[in-house]
Amino acid sequence: MNDIAIVVVALIAAMWISELALRGTKLQTGLARVLAAWGSVYALTLGYTLLRSGISPIGFTILWGGAFLSWFGLRSHAESSILLRMLVMLRRGASSDEELVARYVSLYGETARIDELCRGGLAQKARGSFTVTAKGSTVLRVVSKLR
């Protein structure tokens, strides 16, 4: 197998393993598992390329990082896009405005979003109200610095 084919197979493997690692959860919930998947495949592929190939480790690392960021951006956008979700729901057949919105809210409304925050360890329910966890506070601090 030539060097380019090995890298392509490794990238496809990283994406496929990431989807398995997410197991239907949102990217924010399974980010650590996704990073572990991409990191593991990267390490194995880098080790192989150092031993048997003429690929530059620096070039490969830059390519890998760019591929991860591209996949992450596309996956995140597809996951959070209201319009894409509504298009998927319309594949089942025509709906009125009210039916479509009601179905969307039942599947992806406030309750589903809060459940996902709790599953991801970003929020917790305590004494009838929700609070931000330490992990959630860290995420908020990091995101606020990105603005």
Protein backbone atom coordinates (compact mmCIF):
# COMPACT_ATOMS: atom_id res chain seq x y z
CA MET A 1 0.00 0.00 0.00
CA ASN A 2 1.43 3.39 -0.87
CA ASP A 3 1.84 6.26 1.60
CA ILE A 4 -1.16 8.27 0.42
CA ALA A 5 -3.46 5.26 0.65
CA ILE A 6 -2.27 4.55 4.19
CA VAL A 7 -3.03 8.11 5.28
CA VAL A 8 -6.47 8.05 3.61
CA VAL A 9 -7.33 4.74 5.28
CA ALA A 10 -6.13 6.12 8.64
CA LEU A 11 -8.32 9.23 8.27
CA ILE A 12 -11.35 7.14 7.36
CA ALA A 13 -10.62 4.87 10.33
CA ALA A 14 -10.39 7.86 12.69
CA MET A 15 -13.76 9.18 11.48
CA TRP A 16 -15.41 5.76 11.70
CA ILE A 17 -14.01 5.03 15.18
CA SER A 18 -15.14 8.50 16.30
CA GLU A 19 -18.70 7.77 15.21
CA LEU A 20 -18.59 4.46 17.09
CA ALA A 21 -17.17 6.24 20.15
CA LEU A 22 -19.98 8.80 20.11
CA ARG A 23 -22.61 6.03 20.17
CA GLY A 24 -25.38 8.43 19.18
CA THR A 25 -24.43 11.15 21.68
CA LYS A 26 -23.62 14.69 20.71
CA LEU A 27 -20.08 15.76 19.94
CA GLN A 28 -19.91 17.96 23.07
CA THR A 29 -20.71 14.94 25.23
CA GLY A 30 -18.26 12.57 23.60
CA LEU A 31 -15.41 14.95 22.75
CA ALA A 32 -12.90 13.17 25.00
CA ARG A 33 -13.70 9.83 23.31
CA VAL A 34 -13.38 11.45 19.87
CA LEU A 35 -10.02 12.99 20.76
CA ALA A 36 -8.86 9.60 22.04
CA ALA A 37 -9.94 7.94 18.78
CA TRP A 38 -8.21 10.50 16.57
CA GLY A 39 -5.13 10.52 18.83
CA SER A 40 -4.81 6.73 18.83
CA VAL A 41 -5.10 6.42 15.05
CA TYR A 42 -2.69 9.36 14.66
CA ALA A 43 -0.10 7.72 16.93
CA LEU A 44 -0.35 4.36 15.15
CA THR A 45 -0.15 5.94 11.72
CA LEU A 46 2.70 8.26 12.71
CA GLY A 47 4.60 5.30 14.15
CA TYR A 48 4.10 3.37 10.93
CA THR A 49 5.14 6.32 8.77
CA LEU A 50 8.29 6.88 10.82
CA LEU A 51 9.30 3.22 10.45
CA ARG A 52 8.31 2.42 6.91
CA SER A 53 7.53 5.51 4.91
CA GLY A 54 9.05 8.67 3.56
CA ILE A 55 6.27 10.90 4.92
CA SER A 56 7.47 13.87 6.95
CA PRO A 57 6.22 13.66 10.56
CA ILE A 58 5.68 17.44 10.66
CA GLY A 59 3.77 17.45 7.39
CA PHE A 60 1.71 14.47 8.51
CA THR A 61 0.91 16.18 11.83
CA ILE A 62 -0.24 19.34 10.06
CA LEU A 63 -2.37 17.30 7.66
CA TRP A 64 -3.86 15.29 10.54
CA GLY A 65 -4.70 18.39 12.56
CA GLY A 66 -6.36 20.03 9.57
CA ALA A 67 -8.33 16.89 8.77
CA PHE A 68 -9.53 16.65 12.38
CA LEU A 69 -10.59 20.30 12.47
CA SER A 70 -12.40 19.92 9.14
CA TRP A 71 -14.22 16.78 10.31
CA PHE A 72 -15.03 18.41 13.66
CA GLY A 73 -16.43 21.53 12.02
CA LEU A 74 -18.59 19.61 9.57
CA ARG A 75 -19.78 17.12 12.19
CA SER A 76 -20.56 19.87 14.68
CA HIS A 77 -22.44 21.94 12.11
CA ALA A 78 -24.46 18.99 10.85
CA GLU A 79 -25.29 18.01 14.42
CA SER A 80 -26.47 21.45 15.48
CA SER A 81 -28.22 22.58 12.33
CA ILE A 82 -31.96 23.02 12.90
CA LEU A 83 -32.59 23.21 9.16
CA LEU A 84 -30.76 19.96 8.43
CA ARG A 85 -32.71 18.17 11.17
CA MET A 86 -35.98 19.49 9.78
CA LEU A 87 -35.01 18.33 6.28
CA VAL A 88 -34.33 14.86 7.65
CA MET A 89 -37.75 14.87 9.34
CA LEU A 90 -39.39 15.88 6.06
CA ARG A 91 -37.99 12.78 4.35
CA ARG A 92 -40.80 10.86 6.06
CA GLY A 93 -43.38 12.92 4.20
CA ALA A 94 -45.06 16.29 4.03
CA SER A 95 -45.92 18.16 7.24
CA SER A 96 -47.60 21.40 8.09
CA ASP A 97 -45.55 24.13 9.78
CA GLU A 98 -47.12 23.33 13.13
CA GLU A 99 -46.56 19.56 12.80
CA LEU A 100 -42.93 20.01 11.80
CA VAL A 101 -42.15 22.40 14.66
CA ALA A 102 -44.00 20.20 17.18
CA ARG A 103 -42.06 17.12 16.05
CA TYR A 104 -38.77 19.05 16.19
CA VAL A 105 -39.46 20.36 19.70
CA SER A 106 -40.43 16.88 20.91
CA LEU A 107 -37.17 15.41 19.61
CA TYR A 108 -34.70 18.26 20.08
CA GLY A 109 -36.37 20.74 22.43
CA GLU A 110 -35.31 22.09 25.79
CA THR A 111 -35.69 18.79 27.64
CA ALA A 112 -33.46 16.94 25.17
CA ARG A 113 -30.82 19.69 25.32
CA ILE A 114 -30.78 19.72 29.15
CA ASP A 115 -30.55 15.91 29.23
CA GLU A 116 -27.55 16.09 26.89
CA LEU A 117 -25.84 18.68 29.12
CA CYS A 118 -26.34 16.38 32.12
CA ARG A 119 -25.12 13.29 30.19
CA GLY A 120 -22.02 15.23 29.17
CA GLY A 121 -21.31 16.20 32.76
CA LEU A 122 -21.66 19.90 31.99
CA ALA A 123 -24.72 20.44 34.21
CA GLN A 124 -26.43 18.60 37.05
CA LYS A 125 -29.80 18.70 38.72
CA ALA A 126 -29.72 19.55 42.40
CA ARG A 127 -32.76 20.28 44.57
CA GLY A 128 -35.08 20.86 41.64
CA SER A 129 -32.81 23.20 39.66
CA PHE A 130 -29.86 22.84 37.33
CA THR A 131 -26.34 23.98 38.09
CA VAL A 132 -23.15 24.11 36.05
CA THR A 133 -20.60 21.45 37.00
CA ALA A 134 -16.86 22.01 37.30
CA LYS A 135 -16.44 20.58 33.79
CA GLY A 136 -19.13 22.95 32.49
CA SER A 137 -17.41 25.91 34.17
CA THR A 138 -14.13 24.97 32.49
CA VAL A 139 -15.84 24.81 29.10
CA LEU A 140 -17.46 28.20 29.71
CA ARG A 141 -14.10 29.77 30.67
CA VAL A 142 -12.39 28.40 27.58
CA VAL A 143 -15.21 29.44 25.23
CA SER A 144 -15.41 32.93 26.73
CA LYS A 145 -11.69 33.43 25.93
CA LEU A 146 -12.30 32.46 22.29
CA ARG A 147 -14.55 35.44 21.63
